[in-house]
Amino acid sequence: MREQETIRDEDWYGETLEGVAFRDCTFIRVDLTEAVTRGARFDDCTFDNCRFNASEHSASAFVACEFRRCSFFDATLDGCKVLSATFVECTLRPVTVRGGQWHGLTARGANLTKLDLSGLDLRQADLSESDLSETNLSGANLAGATLQGTDLYRTDLRGASLEGVDLAAARLRETKLDLFGAVLLAGRHGADVSIEPES
């Protein structure tokens, strides 16, 4: 376990980090391009101007971490825990996400267009003012998520868990909803929706 270190201007290009653990560390301008993490854990760490381009992360955890002006271009996160993490002015596309837990994520104003985030755990995520145009969120768990001003143009929300979500606060244009989502949205607009036909 490495704790309370500042790691600055290091070249970790193509490095493999397996089973390592960092707590309360600060990474500044660290190049993690094409790096691989397996079962790595980062708790309460800060990443400032780091490059994760084309990196691959498998079963790794980033818990309560803050990413500032980092690039994840063409990165892959497979079965990772990105819990209560904050992304500020980061490049988050294109990125490949396969499962994992991302609840409590904060990514306000992020460009997340055309990503496949289907089935992802995004409970309590704050995606305010983000662009999720044409993103696949089918089957995702968005319970309690904040979508204030979020662009949902052609976003696929079919089968997504939307409990506690105010869809009326988002920008909906050709958004794909299932029956539950449509009823939820209608209710937010004051409609009295009845599924069963009146006798």
N, C-alpha and C. Protein backbone atom coordinates (compact mmCIF):
# COMPACT_ATOMS: atom_id res chain seq x y z
N MET A 1 0.84 -1.20 0.00
CA MET A 1 0.00 0.00 0.00
C MET A 1 0.88 1.25 0.00
N ARG A 2 0.68 2.09 -1.00
CA ARG A 2 1.39 3.37 -1.03
C ARG A 2 0.40 4.45 -0.59
N GLU A 3 0.81 5.28 0.36
CA GLU A 3 -0.10 6.27 0.93
C GLU A 3 0.51 7.66 0.93
N GLN A 4 -0.35 8.66 0.68
CA GLN A 4 -0.01 10.07 0.81
C GLN A 4 1.27 10.44 0.06
N GLU A 5 1.39 9.89 -1.15
CA GLU A 5 2.52 10.24 -2.00
C GLU A 5 2.08 11.20 -3.10
N THR A 6 3.00 12.00 -3.58
CA THR A 6 2.77 12.80 -4.78
C THR A 6 3.65 12.24 -5.88
N ILE A 7 3.02 11.77 -6.94
CA ILE A 7 3.73 11.15 -8.06
C ILE A 7 3.60 12.10 -9.25
N ARG A 8 4.72 12.69 -9.65
CA ARG A 8 4.68 13.81 -10.59
C ARG A 8 5.55 13.52 -11.82
N ASP A 9 4.97 13.78 -13.01
CA ASP A 9 5.71 13.74 -14.27
C ASP A 9 6.41 12.39 -14.51
N GLU A 10 5.76 11.31 -14.12
CA GLU A 10 6.36 10.00 -14.34
C GLU A 10 5.78 9.35 -15.60
N ASP A 11 6.60 8.54 -16.26
CA ASP A 11 6.20 7.85 -17.48
C ASP A 11 5.90 6.39 -17.14
N TRP A 12 4.61 6.07 -17.08
CA TRP A 12 4.18 4.70 -16.82
C TRP A 12 3.57 4.09 -18.09
N TYR A 13 4.03 4.56 -19.22
CA TYR A 13 3.51 4.09 -20.52
C TYR A 13 3.66 2.56 -20.61
N GLY A 14 2.52 1.90 -20.84
CA GLY A 14 2.53 0.46 -21.04
C GLY A 14 2.83 -0.37 -19.80
N GLU A 15 2.89 0.27 -18.64
CA GLU A 15 3.17 -0.47 -17.41
C GLU A 15 1.98 -1.38 -17.03
N THR A 16 2.28 -2.47 -16.35
CA THR A 16 1.24 -3.35 -15.81
C THR A 16 1.22 -3.20 -14.29
N LEU A 17 0.07 -2.79 -13.77
CA LEU A 17 -0.09 -2.59 -12.33
C LEU A 17 -1.09 -3.63 -11.84
N GLU A 18 -0.59 -4.66 -11.23
CA GLU A 18 -1.46 -5.77 -10.81
C GLU A 18 -1.46 -5.89 -9.29
N GLY A 19 -2.68 -5.80 -8.71
CA GLY A 19 -2.83 -5.97 -7.27
C GLY A 19 -2.22 -4.87 -6.44
N VAL A 20 -1.89 -3.74 -7.06
CA VAL A 20 -1.29 -2.63 -6.30
C VAL A 20 -2.39 -1.83 -5.61
N ALA A 21 -2.01 -1.06 -4.57
CA ALA A 21 -2.99 -0.25 -3.85
C ALA A 21 -2.37 1.10 -3.52
N PHE A 22 -3.16 2.16 -3.77
CA PHE A 22 -2.76 3.53 -3.47
C PHE A 22 -3.86 4.18 -2.65
N ARG A 23 -3.47 4.92 -1.62
CA ARG A 23 -4.46 5.64 -0.82
C ARG A 23 -4.00 7.09 -0.61
N ASP A 24 -4.92 8.02 -0.88
CA ASP A 24 -4.66 9.44 -0.66
C ASP A 24 -3.38 9.90 -1.36
N CYS A 25 -3.19 9.41 -2.59
CA CYS A 25 -2.04 9.82 -3.39
C CYS A 25 -2.46 10.82 -4.46
N THR A 26 -1.52 11.64 -4.90
CA THR A 26 -1.77 12.62 -5.94
C THR A 26 -0.89 12.31 -7.13
N PHE A 27 -1.53 12.15 -8.29
CA PHE A 27 -0.81 11.87 -9.53
C PHE A 27 -0.90 13.11 -10.41
N ILE A 28 0.23 13.68 -10.77
CA ILE A 28 0.25 14.90 -11.57
C ILE A 28 1.03 14.64 -12.86
N ARG A 29 0.34 14.83 -13.99
CA ARG A 29 0.94 14.65 -15.32
C ARG A 29 1.64 13.29 -15.46
N VAL A 30 1.00 12.26 -14.96
CA VAL A 30 1.53 10.89 -15.10
C VAL A 30 0.96 10.29 -16.39
N ASP A 31 1.86 9.72 -17.20
CA ASP A 31 1.45 9.13 -18.48
C ASP A 31 1.17 7.64 -18.27
N LEU A 32 -0.13 7.29 -18.31
CA LEU A 32 -0.57 5.90 -18.17
C LEU A 32 -1.08 5.35 -19.49
N THR A 33 -0.64 5.94 -20.59
CA THR A 33 -1.06 5.48 -21.92
C THR A 33 -0.71 4.00 -22.10
N GLU A 34 -1.69 3.23 -22.53
CA GLU A 34 -1.56 1.79 -22.77
C GLU A 34 -1.16 1.01 -21.52
N ALA A 35 -1.30 1.62 -20.36
CA ALA A 35 -1.05 0.90 -19.11
C ALA A 35 -2.17 -0.11 -18.86
N VAL A 36 -1.88 -1.12 -18.06
CA VAL A 36 -2.85 -2.16 -17.72
C VAL A 36 -2.93 -2.27 -16.20
N THR A 37 -4.14 -2.21 -15.66
CA THR A 37 -4.32 -2.49 -14.24
C THR A 37 -5.21 -3.71 -14.09
N ARG A 38 -4.83 -4.57 -13.16
CA ARG A 38 -5.64 -5.75 -12.85
C ARG A 38 -5.77 -5.85 -11.34
N GLY A 39 -6.99 -5.74 -10.85
CA GLY A 39 -7.22 -5.84 -9.42
C GLY A 39 -6.53 -4.74 -8.63
N ALA A 40 -6.25 -3.62 -9.27
CA ALA A 40 -5.61 -2.49 -8.58
C ALA A 40 -6.67 -1.70 -7.82
N ARG A 41 -6.23 -0.97 -6.79
CA ARG A 41 -7.17 -0.18 -6.00
C ARG A 41 -6.58 1.20 -5.71
N PHE A 42 -7.40 2.21 -5.98
CA PHE A 42 -7.04 3.60 -5.72
C PHE A 42 -8.13 4.20 -4.83
N ASP A 43 -7.77 4.61 -3.62
CA ASP A 43 -8.75 5.20 -2.70
C ASP A 43 -8.38 6.65 -2.42
N ASP A 44 -9.36 7.55 -2.59
CA ASP A 44 -9.17 8.96 -2.25
C ASP A 44 -7.96 9.56 -2.95
N CYS A 45 -7.73 9.16 -4.18
CA CYS A 45 -6.60 9.67 -4.95
C CYS A 45 -7.04 10.79 -5.89
N THR A 46 -6.09 11.66 -6.25
CA THR A 46 -6.34 12.74 -7.19
C THR A 46 -5.45 12.55 -8.40
N PHE A 47 -6.05 12.62 -9.59
CA PHE A 47 -5.32 12.52 -10.84
C PHE A 47 -5.47 13.86 -11.57
N ASP A 48 -4.36 14.55 -11.79
CA ASP A 48 -4.39 15.88 -12.40
C ASP A 48 -3.59 15.85 -13.71
N ASN A 49 -4.30 16.10 -14.83
CA ASN A 49 -3.65 16.12 -16.15
C ASN A 49 -2.92 14.82 -16.45
N CYS A 50 -3.55 13.70 -16.13
CA CYS A 50 -2.96 12.39 -16.43
C CYS A 50 -3.54 11.83 -17.72
N ARG A 51 -2.77 10.98 -18.39
CA ARG A 51 -3.22 10.37 -19.63
C ARG A 51 -3.47 8.88 -19.41
N PHE A 52 -4.72 8.46 -19.69
CA PHE A 52 -5.11 7.06 -19.60
C PHE A 52 -5.44 6.51 -21.00
N ASN A 53 -4.95 7.16 -22.03
CA ASN A 53 -5.32 6.80 -23.40
C ASN A 53 -4.95 5.35 -23.71
N ALA A 54 -5.92 4.63 -24.28
CA ALA A 54 -5.74 3.23 -24.69
C ALA A 54 -5.31 2.32 -23.53
N SER A 55 -5.56 2.74 -22.30
CA SER A 55 -5.25 1.90 -21.14
C SER A 55 -6.37 0.88 -20.93
N GLU A 56 -6.04 -0.19 -20.21
CA GLU A 56 -7.02 -1.25 -19.95
C GLU A 56 -7.05 -1.53 -18.44
N HIS A 57 -8.26 -1.53 -17.89
CA HIS A 57 -8.43 -1.71 -16.45
C HIS A 57 -9.42 -2.84 -16.22
N SER A 58 -8.98 -3.85 -15.49
CA SER A 58 -9.81 -5.02 -15.25
C SER A 58 -9.97 -5.24 -13.75
N ALA A 59 -11.23 -5.28 -13.30
CA ALA A 59 -11.55 -5.53 -11.88
C ALA A 59 -10.77 -4.61 -10.95
N SER A 60 -10.52 -3.39 -11.39
CA SER A 60 -9.83 -2.41 -10.56
C SER A 60 -10.84 -1.48 -9.91
N ALA A 61 -10.42 -0.79 -8.85
CA ALA A 61 -11.34 0.09 -8.12
C ALA A 61 -10.75 1.49 -7.99
N PHE A 62 -11.59 2.47 -8.30
CA PHE A 62 -11.24 3.88 -8.13
C PHE A 62 -12.32 4.45 -7.21
N VAL A 63 -12.03 4.52 -5.93
CA VAL A 63 -13.04 4.88 -4.93
C VAL A 63 -12.78 6.29 -4.41
N ALA A 64 -13.80 7.15 -4.55
CA ALA A 64 -13.71 8.54 -4.07
C ALA A 64 -12.50 9.27 -4.66
N CYS A 65 -12.19 8.96 -5.92
CA CYS A 65 -11.08 9.62 -6.60
C CYS A 65 -11.57 10.83 -7.38
N GLU A 66 -10.67 11.77 -7.61
CA GLU A 66 -10.98 12.94 -8.43
C GLU A 66 -10.05 12.97 -9.63
N PHE A 67 -10.66 13.10 -10.81
CA PHE A 67 -9.90 13.18 -12.06
C PHE A 67 -10.08 14.58 -12.64
N ARG A 68 -8.99 15.31 -12.80
CA ARG A 68 -9.06 16.67 -13.33
C ARG A 68 -8.30 16.74 -14.65
N ARG A 69 -9.02 17.12 -15.71
CA ARG A 69 -8.41 17.31 -17.02
C ARG A 69 -7.59 16.09 -17.46
N CYS A 70 -8.14 14.91 -17.22
CA CYS A 70 -7.50 13.66 -17.64
C CYS A 70 -8.12 13.17 -18.95
N SER A 71 -7.34 12.42 -19.71
CA SER A 71 -7.83 11.87 -20.98
C SER A 71 -7.93 10.35 -20.88
N PHE A 72 -9.14 9.85 -21.19
CA PHE A 72 -9.40 8.41 -21.22
C PHE A 72 -9.68 7.94 -22.64
N PHE A 73 -9.14 8.62 -23.64
CA PHE A 73 -9.41 8.30 -25.04
C PHE A 73 -9.07 6.84 -25.33
N ASP A 74 -10.09 6.11 -25.77
CA ASP A 74 -9.95 4.71 -26.17
C ASP A 74 -9.58 3.78 -25.01
N ALA A 75 -9.87 4.20 -23.77
CA ALA A 75 -9.59 3.35 -22.61
C ALA A 75 -10.69 2.28 -22.46
N THR A 76 -10.36 1.20 -21.77
CA THR A 76 -11.30 0.12 -21.50
C THR A 76 -11.37 -0.12 -20.00
N LEU A 77 -12.59 -0.14 -19.47
CA LEU A 77 -12.80 -0.44 -18.05
C LEU A 77 -13.74 -1.63 -17.97
N ASP A 78 -13.20 -2.75 -17.52
CA ASP A 78 -13.93 -4.01 -17.52
C ASP A 78 -14.16 -4.46 -16.07
N GLY A 79 -15.44 -4.41 -15.63
CA GLY A 79 -15.77 -4.86 -14.29
C GLY A 79 -15.14 -4.03 -13.20
N CYS A 80 -14.99 -2.73 -13.44
CA CYS A 80 -14.33 -1.86 -12.46
C CYS A 80 -15.34 -1.19 -11.53
N LYS A 81 -14.86 -0.81 -10.36
CA LYS A 81 -15.64 -0.02 -9.42
C LYS A 81 -15.14 1.42 -9.48
N VAL A 82 -16.01 2.30 -9.94
CA VAL A 82 -15.68 3.72 -10.01
C VAL A 82 -16.70 4.42 -9.11
N LEU A 83 -16.48 4.32 -7.81
CA LEU A 83 -17.48 4.69 -6.83
C LEU A 83 -17.23 6.10 -6.28
N SER A 84 -18.27 6.94 -6.30
CA SER A 84 -18.18 8.30 -5.77
C SER A 84 -16.99 9.06 -6.36
N ALA A 85 -16.67 8.77 -7.61
CA ALA A 85 -15.57 9.46 -8.29
C ALA A 85 -16.08 10.73 -8.96
N THR A 86 -15.19 11.69 -9.12
CA THR A 86 -15.54 12.96 -9.74
C THR A 86 -14.64 13.19 -10.95
N PHE A 87 -15.28 13.54 -12.08
CA PHE A 87 -14.55 13.83 -13.31
C PHE A 87 -14.77 15.29 -13.67
N VAL A 88 -13.68 16.05 -13.79
CA VAL A 88 -13.76 17.47 -14.10
C VAL A 88 -12.96 17.74 -15.38
N GLU A 89 -13.65 18.20 -16.42
CA GLU A 89 -13.01 18.57 -17.69
C GLU A 89 -12.16 17.42 -18.24
N CYS A 90 -12.70 16.23 -18.18
CA CYS A 90 -11.99 15.05 -18.69
C CYS A 90 -12.51 14.64 -20.06
N THR A 91 -11.65 13.99 -20.84
CA THR A 91 -12.04 13.37 -22.10
C THR A 91 -12.47 11.94 -21.79
N LEU A 92 -13.76 11.66 -21.96
CA LEU A 92 -14.31 10.37 -21.58
C LEU A 92 -14.88 9.59 -22.76
N ARG A 93 -14.49 9.95 -23.97
CA ARG A 93 -14.95 9.21 -25.13
C ARG A 93 -13.90 9.29 -26.23
N PRO A 94 -13.80 8.27 -27.07
CA PRO A 94 -14.51 7.00 -26.88
C PRO A 94 -13.89 6.19 -25.74
N VAL A 95 -14.75 5.49 -25.02
CA VAL A 95 -14.28 4.62 -23.94
C VAL A 95 -15.17 3.37 -23.95
N THR A 96 -14.58 2.24 -23.61
CA THR A 96 -15.33 0.98 -23.56
C THR A 96 -15.55 0.61 -22.11
N VAL A 97 -16.82 0.43 -21.74
CA VAL A 97 -17.17 0.06 -20.37
C VAL A 97 -17.91 -1.27 -20.39
N ARG A 98 -17.40 -2.23 -19.65
CA ARG A 98 -18.06 -3.54 -19.55
C ARG A 98 -18.42 -3.79 -18.10
N GLY A 99 -19.68 -3.56 -17.76
CA GLY A 99 -20.15 -3.84 -16.41
C GLY A 99 -19.46 -2.98 -15.37
N GLY A 100 -19.57 -3.42 -14.14
CA GLY A 100 -18.95 -2.69 -13.04
C GLY A 100 -19.95 -1.84 -12.28
N GLN A 101 -19.45 -1.15 -11.27
CA GLN A 101 -20.28 -0.29 -10.42
C GLN A 101 -19.72 1.14 -10.48
N TRP A 102 -20.59 2.05 -10.88
CA TRP A 102 -20.20 3.45 -11.04
C TRP A 102 -21.11 4.34 -10.22
N HIS A 103 -21.73 3.83 -9.15
CA HIS A 103 -22.70 4.66 -8.46
C HIS A 103 -22.00 5.77 -7.67
N GLY A 104 -22.72 6.89 -7.58
CA GLY A 104 -22.19 8.07 -6.92
C GLY A 104 -21.25 8.88 -7.80
N LEU A 105 -21.14 8.51 -9.07
CA LEU A 105 -20.28 9.22 -10.02
C LEU A 105 -20.74 10.67 -10.20
N THR A 106 -19.79 11.60 -10.30
CA THR A 106 -20.10 12.98 -10.66
C THR A 106 -19.36 13.31 -11.94
N ALA A 107 -20.11 13.63 -12.98
CA ALA A 107 -19.52 13.98 -14.28
C ALA A 107 -20.36 15.09 -14.90
N ARG A 108 -20.41 16.22 -14.24
CA ARG A 108 -21.22 17.34 -14.71
C ARG A 108 -20.62 17.94 -15.98
N GLY A 109 -21.49 18.16 -16.95
CA GLY A 109 -21.05 18.80 -18.18
C GLY A 109 -20.17 17.95 -19.07
N ALA A 110 -20.13 16.64 -18.82
CA ALA A 110 -19.24 15.76 -19.58
C ALA A 110 -19.84 15.39 -20.93
N ASN A 111 -18.97 15.14 -21.90
CA ASN A 111 -19.39 14.65 -23.21
C ASN A 111 -19.35 13.13 -23.17
N LEU A 112 -20.52 12.51 -23.11
CA LEU A 112 -20.63 11.05 -23.03
C LEU A 112 -21.43 10.51 -24.21
N THR A 113 -21.36 11.20 -25.32
CA THR A 113 -22.18 10.84 -26.49
C THR A 113 -21.75 9.50 -27.08
N LYS A 114 -22.76 8.77 -27.52
CA LYS A 114 -22.60 7.53 -28.29
C LYS A 114 -21.83 6.43 -27.55
N LEU A 115 -21.80 6.51 -26.22
CA LEU A 115 -21.15 5.44 -25.46
C LEU A 115 -22.13 4.31 -25.18
N ASP A 116 -21.62 3.12 -24.99
CA ASP A 116 -22.45 1.98 -24.59
C ASP A 116 -22.28 1.80 -23.09
N LEU A 117 -23.24 2.30 -22.33
CA LEU A 117 -23.23 2.19 -20.86
C LEU A 117 -24.38 1.30 -20.40
N SER A 118 -24.79 0.40 -21.27
CA SER A 118 -25.94 -0.47 -20.97
C SER A 118 -25.63 -1.34 -19.76
N GLY A 119 -26.63 -1.46 -18.88
CA GLY A 119 -26.52 -2.32 -17.71
C GLY A 119 -25.62 -1.79 -16.61
N LEU A 120 -25.11 -0.58 -16.76
CA LEU A 120 -24.16 -0.04 -15.79
C LEU A 120 -24.88 0.45 -14.53
N ASP A 121 -24.24 0.27 -13.38
CA ASP A 121 -24.77 0.75 -12.10
C ASP A 121 -24.38 2.21 -11.94
N LEU A 122 -25.34 3.11 -12.18
CA LEU A 122 -25.11 4.55 -12.08
C LEU A 122 -26.02 5.18 -11.03
N ARG A 123 -26.32 4.43 -9.99
CA ARG A 123 -27.17 4.97 -8.94
C ARG A 123 -26.55 6.23 -8.34
N GLN A 124 -27.42 7.22 -8.08
CA GLN A 124 -27.02 8.48 -7.44
C GLN A 124 -25.98 9.26 -8.24
N ALA A 125 -25.81 8.94 -9.51
CA ALA A 125 -24.84 9.68 -10.33
C ALA A 125 -25.34 11.10 -10.61
N ASP A 126 -24.42 12.03 -10.67
CA ASP A 126 -24.76 13.41 -11.05
C ASP A 126 -24.24 13.64 -12.45
N LEU A 127 -25.17 13.63 -13.40
CA LEU A 127 -24.83 13.83 -14.82
C LEU A 127 -25.42 15.13 -15.33
N SER A 128 -25.57 16.10 -14.45
CA SER A 128 -26.16 17.38 -14.81
C SER A 128 -25.40 18.04 -15.96
N GLU A 129 -26.17 18.58 -16.92
CA GLU A 129 -25.63 19.32 -18.06
C GLU A 129 -24.71 18.48 -18.94
N SER A 130 -24.68 17.17 -18.75
CA SER A 130 -23.86 16.32 -19.60
C SER A 130 -24.57 16.03 -20.92
N ASP A 131 -23.80 15.64 -21.92
CA ASP A 131 -24.35 15.28 -23.22
C ASP A 131 -24.32 13.77 -23.36
N LEU A 132 -25.51 13.16 -23.30
CA LEU A 132 -25.66 11.72 -23.44
C LEU A 132 -26.36 11.37 -24.74
N SER A 133 -26.21 12.22 -25.73
CA SER A 133 -26.87 12.00 -27.01
C SER A 133 -26.46 10.67 -27.62
N GLU A 134 -27.47 9.89 -28.02
CA GLU A 134 -27.27 8.60 -28.69
C GLU A 134 -26.47 7.61 -27.85
N THR A 135 -26.45 7.81 -26.54
CA THR A 135 -25.79 6.87 -25.63
C THR A 135 -26.74 5.73 -25.27
N ASN A 136 -26.21 4.55 -25.15
CA ASN A 136 -27.02 3.38 -24.80
C ASN A 136 -26.98 3.18 -23.29
N LEU A 137 -28.09 3.50 -22.63
CA LEU A 137 -28.23 3.30 -21.19
C LEU A 137 -29.31 2.25 -20.90
N SER A 138 -29.60 1.42 -21.87
CA SER A 138 -30.63 0.41 -21.67
C SER A 138 -30.22 -0.53 -20.54
N GLY A 139 -31.15 -0.79 -19.64
CA GLY A 139 -30.90 -1.70 -18.53
C GLY A 139 -30.00 -1.14 -17.45
N ALA A 140 -29.59 0.11 -17.57
CA ALA A 140 -28.72 0.71 -16.55
C ALA A 140 -29.53 1.03 -15.30
N ASN A 141 -28.85 1.09 -14.16
CA ASN A 141 -29.51 1.47 -12.91
C ASN A 141 -29.22 2.95 -12.65
N LEU A 142 -30.20 3.80 -12.92
CA LEU A 142 -30.06 5.24 -12.75
C LEU A 142 -30.87 5.75 -11.55
N ALA A 143 -31.24 4.85 -10.66
CA ALA A 143 -32.06 5.25 -9.51
C ALA A 143 -31.39 6.38 -8.74
N GLY A 144 -32.15 7.46 -8.55
CA GLY A 144 -31.65 8.59 -7.78
C GLY A 144 -30.67 9.47 -8.52
N ALA A 145 -30.45 9.22 -9.81
CA ALA A 145 -29.49 10.02 -10.58
C ALA A 145 -30.04 11.43 -10.84
N THR A 146 -29.12 12.39 -10.98
CA THR A 146 -29.49 13.77 -11.28
C THR A 146 -29.22 14.03 -12.76
N LEU A 147 -30.28 14.40 -13.49
CA LEU A 147 -30.18 14.65 -14.92
C LEU A 147 -30.63 16.07 -15.26
N GLN A 148 -30.33 17.01 -14.41
CA GLN A 148 -30.73 18.39 -14.62
C GLN A 148 -30.02 18.96 -15.85
N GLY A 149 -30.81 19.29 -16.89
CA GLY A 149 -30.24 19.86 -18.10
C GLY A 149 -29.46 18.89 -18.96
N THR A 150 -29.53 17.61 -18.65
CA THR A 150 -28.78 16.59 -19.40
C THR A 150 -29.42 16.39 -20.78
N ASP A 151 -28.59 16.34 -21.83
CA ASP A 151 -29.09 16.15 -23.19
C ASP A 151 -29.28 14.65 -23.44
N LEU A 152 -30.53 14.25 -23.63
CA LEU A 152 -30.86 12.84 -23.87
C LEU A 152 -31.38 12.63 -25.28
N TYR A 153 -30.80 13.31 -26.24
CA TYR A 153 -31.20 13.16 -27.64
C TYR A 153 -30.91 11.74 -28.12
N ARG A 154 -31.99 11.02 -28.47
CA ARG A 154 -31.91 9.65 -28.97
C ARG A 154 -31.21 8.70 -27.99
N THR A 155 -31.18 9.06 -26.72
CA THR A 155 -30.60 8.19 -25.70
C THR A 155 -31.53 7.01 -25.46
N ASP A 156 -30.96 5.82 -25.32
CA ASP A 156 -31.77 4.61 -25.09
C ASP A 156 -31.87 4.36 -23.59
N LEU A 157 -33.06 4.59 -23.05
CA LEU A 157 -33.33 4.37 -21.62
C LEU A 157 -34.26 3.19 -21.40
N ARG A 158 -34.47 2.39 -22.41
CA ARG A 158 -35.39 1.26 -22.28
C ARG A 158 -34.83 0.23 -21.29
N GLY A 159 -35.67 -0.14 -20.33
CA GLY A 159 -35.28 -1.12 -19.34
C GLY A 159 -34.42 -0.55 -18.23
N ALA A 160 -34.13 0.74 -18.27
CA ALA A 160 -33.32 1.36 -17.23
C ALA A 160 -34.15 1.58 -15.96
N SER A 161 -33.51 1.48 -14.79
CA SER A 161 -34.17 1.78 -13.54
C SER A 161 -34.11 3.29 -13.33
N LEU A 162 -35.29 3.91 -13.22
CA LEU A 162 -35.37 5.37 -13.18
C LEU A 162 -36.06 5.87 -11.91
N GLU A 163 -36.10 5.06 -10.87
CA GLU A 163 -36.74 5.49 -9.63
C GLU A 163 -36.05 6.74 -9.08
N GLY A 164 -36.87 7.73 -8.77
CA GLY A 164 -36.34 8.96 -8.19
C GLY A 164 -35.68 9.89 -9.19
N VAL A 165 -35.78 9.58 -10.48
CA VAL A 165 -35.17 10.42 -11.51
C VAL A 165 -36.20 11.40 -12.07
N ASP A 166 -35.84 12.67 -12.15
CA ASP A 166 -36.73 13.68 -12.70
C ASP A 166 -36.41 13.85 -14.18
N LEU A 167 -37.05 13.03 -15.01
CA LEU A 167 -36.81 13.11 -16.45
C LEU A 167 -37.25 14.44 -17.04
N ALA A 168 -38.21 15.08 -16.39
CA ALA A 168 -38.70 16.36 -16.90
C ALA A 168 -37.62 17.44 -16.81
N ALA A 169 -36.59 17.22 -15.98
CA ALA A 169 -35.52 18.21 -15.84
C ALA A 169 -34.46 18.06 -16.93
N ALA A 170 -34.54 16.94 -17.68
CA ALA A 170 -33.57 16.69 -18.75
C ALA A 170 -34.11 17.23 -20.07
N ARG A 171 -33.24 17.24 -21.08
CA ARG A 171 -33.65 17.65 -22.43
C ARG A 171 -33.92 16.39 -23.24
N LEU A 172 -35.18 16.11 -23.47
CA LEU A 172 -35.60 14.90 -24.17
C LEU A 172 -35.93 15.21 -25.62
N ARG A 173 -35.26 14.52 -26.53
CA ARG A 173 -35.56 14.64 -27.96
C ARG A 173 -35.35 13.26 -28.58
N GLU A 174 -36.44 12.67 -29.02
CA GLU A 174 -36.41 11.34 -29.61
C GLU A 174 -35.79 10.31 -28.65
N THR A 175 -35.93 10.58 -27.36
CA THR A 175 -35.40 9.67 -26.33
C THR A 175 -36.20 8.36 -26.35
N LYS A 176 -35.50 7.25 -26.24
CA LYS A 176 -36.15 5.94 -26.29
C LYS A 176 -36.51 5.51 -24.88
N LEU A 177 -37.81 5.40 -24.62
CA LEU A 177 -38.31 5.01 -23.30
C LEU A 177 -39.19 3.77 -23.43
N ASP A 178 -39.18 2.93 -22.40
CA ASP A 178 -40.14 1.85 -22.34
C ASP A 178 -41.41 2.36 -21.66
N LEU A 179 -42.37 1.49 -21.42
CA LEU A 179 -43.65 1.92 -20.85
C LEU A 179 -43.46 2.57 -19.49
N PHE A 180 -42.61 1.97 -18.65
CA PHE A 180 -42.40 2.53 -17.31
C PHE A 180 -41.84 3.95 -17.40
N GLY A 181 -40.85 4.14 -18.26
CA GLY A 181 -40.26 5.46 -18.40
C GLY A 181 -41.25 6.49 -18.92
N ALA A 182 -42.09 6.06 -19.87
CA ALA A 182 -43.08 6.97 -20.43
C ALA A 182 -44.12 7.37 -19.38
N VAL A 183 -44.52 6.40 -18.56
CA VAL A 183 -45.48 6.69 -17.49
C VAL A 183 -44.85 7.63 -16.46
N LEU A 184 -43.58 7.38 -16.13
CA LEU A 184 -42.88 8.24 -15.17
C LEU A 184 -42.80 9.67 -15.68
N LEU A 185 -42.47 9.81 -16.95
CA LEU A 185 -42.37 11.16 -17.53
C LEU A 185 -43.72 11.85 -17.56
N ALA A 186 -44.76 11.11 -17.96
CA ALA A 186 -46.10 11.69 -18.00
C ALA A 186 -46.55 12.13 -16.62
N GLY A 187 -46.23 11.32 -15.61
CA GLY A 187 -46.58 11.68 -14.25
C GLY A 187 -45.89 12.96 -13.80
N ARG A 188 -44.64 13.14 -14.22
CA ARG A 188 -43.89 14.35 -13.87
C ARG A 188 -44.53 15.60 -14.48
N HIS A 189 -45.22 15.39 -15.58
CA HIS A 189 -45.88 16.51 -16.25
C HIS A 189 -47.34 16.66 -15.81
N GLY A 190 -47.71 15.95 -14.75
CA GLY A 190 -49.03 16.14 -14.17
C GLY A 190 -50.12 15.26 -14.73
N ALA A 191 -49.76 14.31 -15.59
CA ALA A 191 -50.78 13.43 -16.17
C ALA A 191 -51.22 12.38 -15.14
N ASP A 192 -52.49 12.02 -15.21
CA ASP A 192 -53.03 10.94 -14.38
C ASP A 192 -53.06 9.70 -15.27
N VAL A 193 -52.01 8.88 -15.15
CA VAL A 193 -51.85 7.75 -16.08
C VAL A 193 -52.48 6.51 -15.52
N SER A 194 -53.29 5.87 -16.30
CA SER A 194 -53.91 4.60 -15.93
C SER A 194 -53.52 3.55 -16.95
N ILE A 195 -52.89 2.47 -16.48
CA ILE A 195 -52.46 1.41 -17.39
C ILE A 195 -53.64 0.53 -17.77
N GLU A 196 -54.49 0.22 -16.80
CA GLU A 196 -55.64 -0.64 -17.05
C GLU A 196 -56.77 0.15 -17.67
N PRO A 197 -57.44 -0.40 -18.68
CA PRO A 197 -58.58 0.30 -19.27
C PRO A 197 -59.73 0.41 -18.26
N GLU A 198 -60.42 1.52 -18.30
CA GLU A 198 -61.55 1.71 -17.38
C GLU A 198 -62.71 0.82 -17.81
N SER A 199 -63.38 0.24 -16.84
CA SER A 199 -64.52 -0.62 -17.12
C SER A 199 -65.77 0.22 -17.31
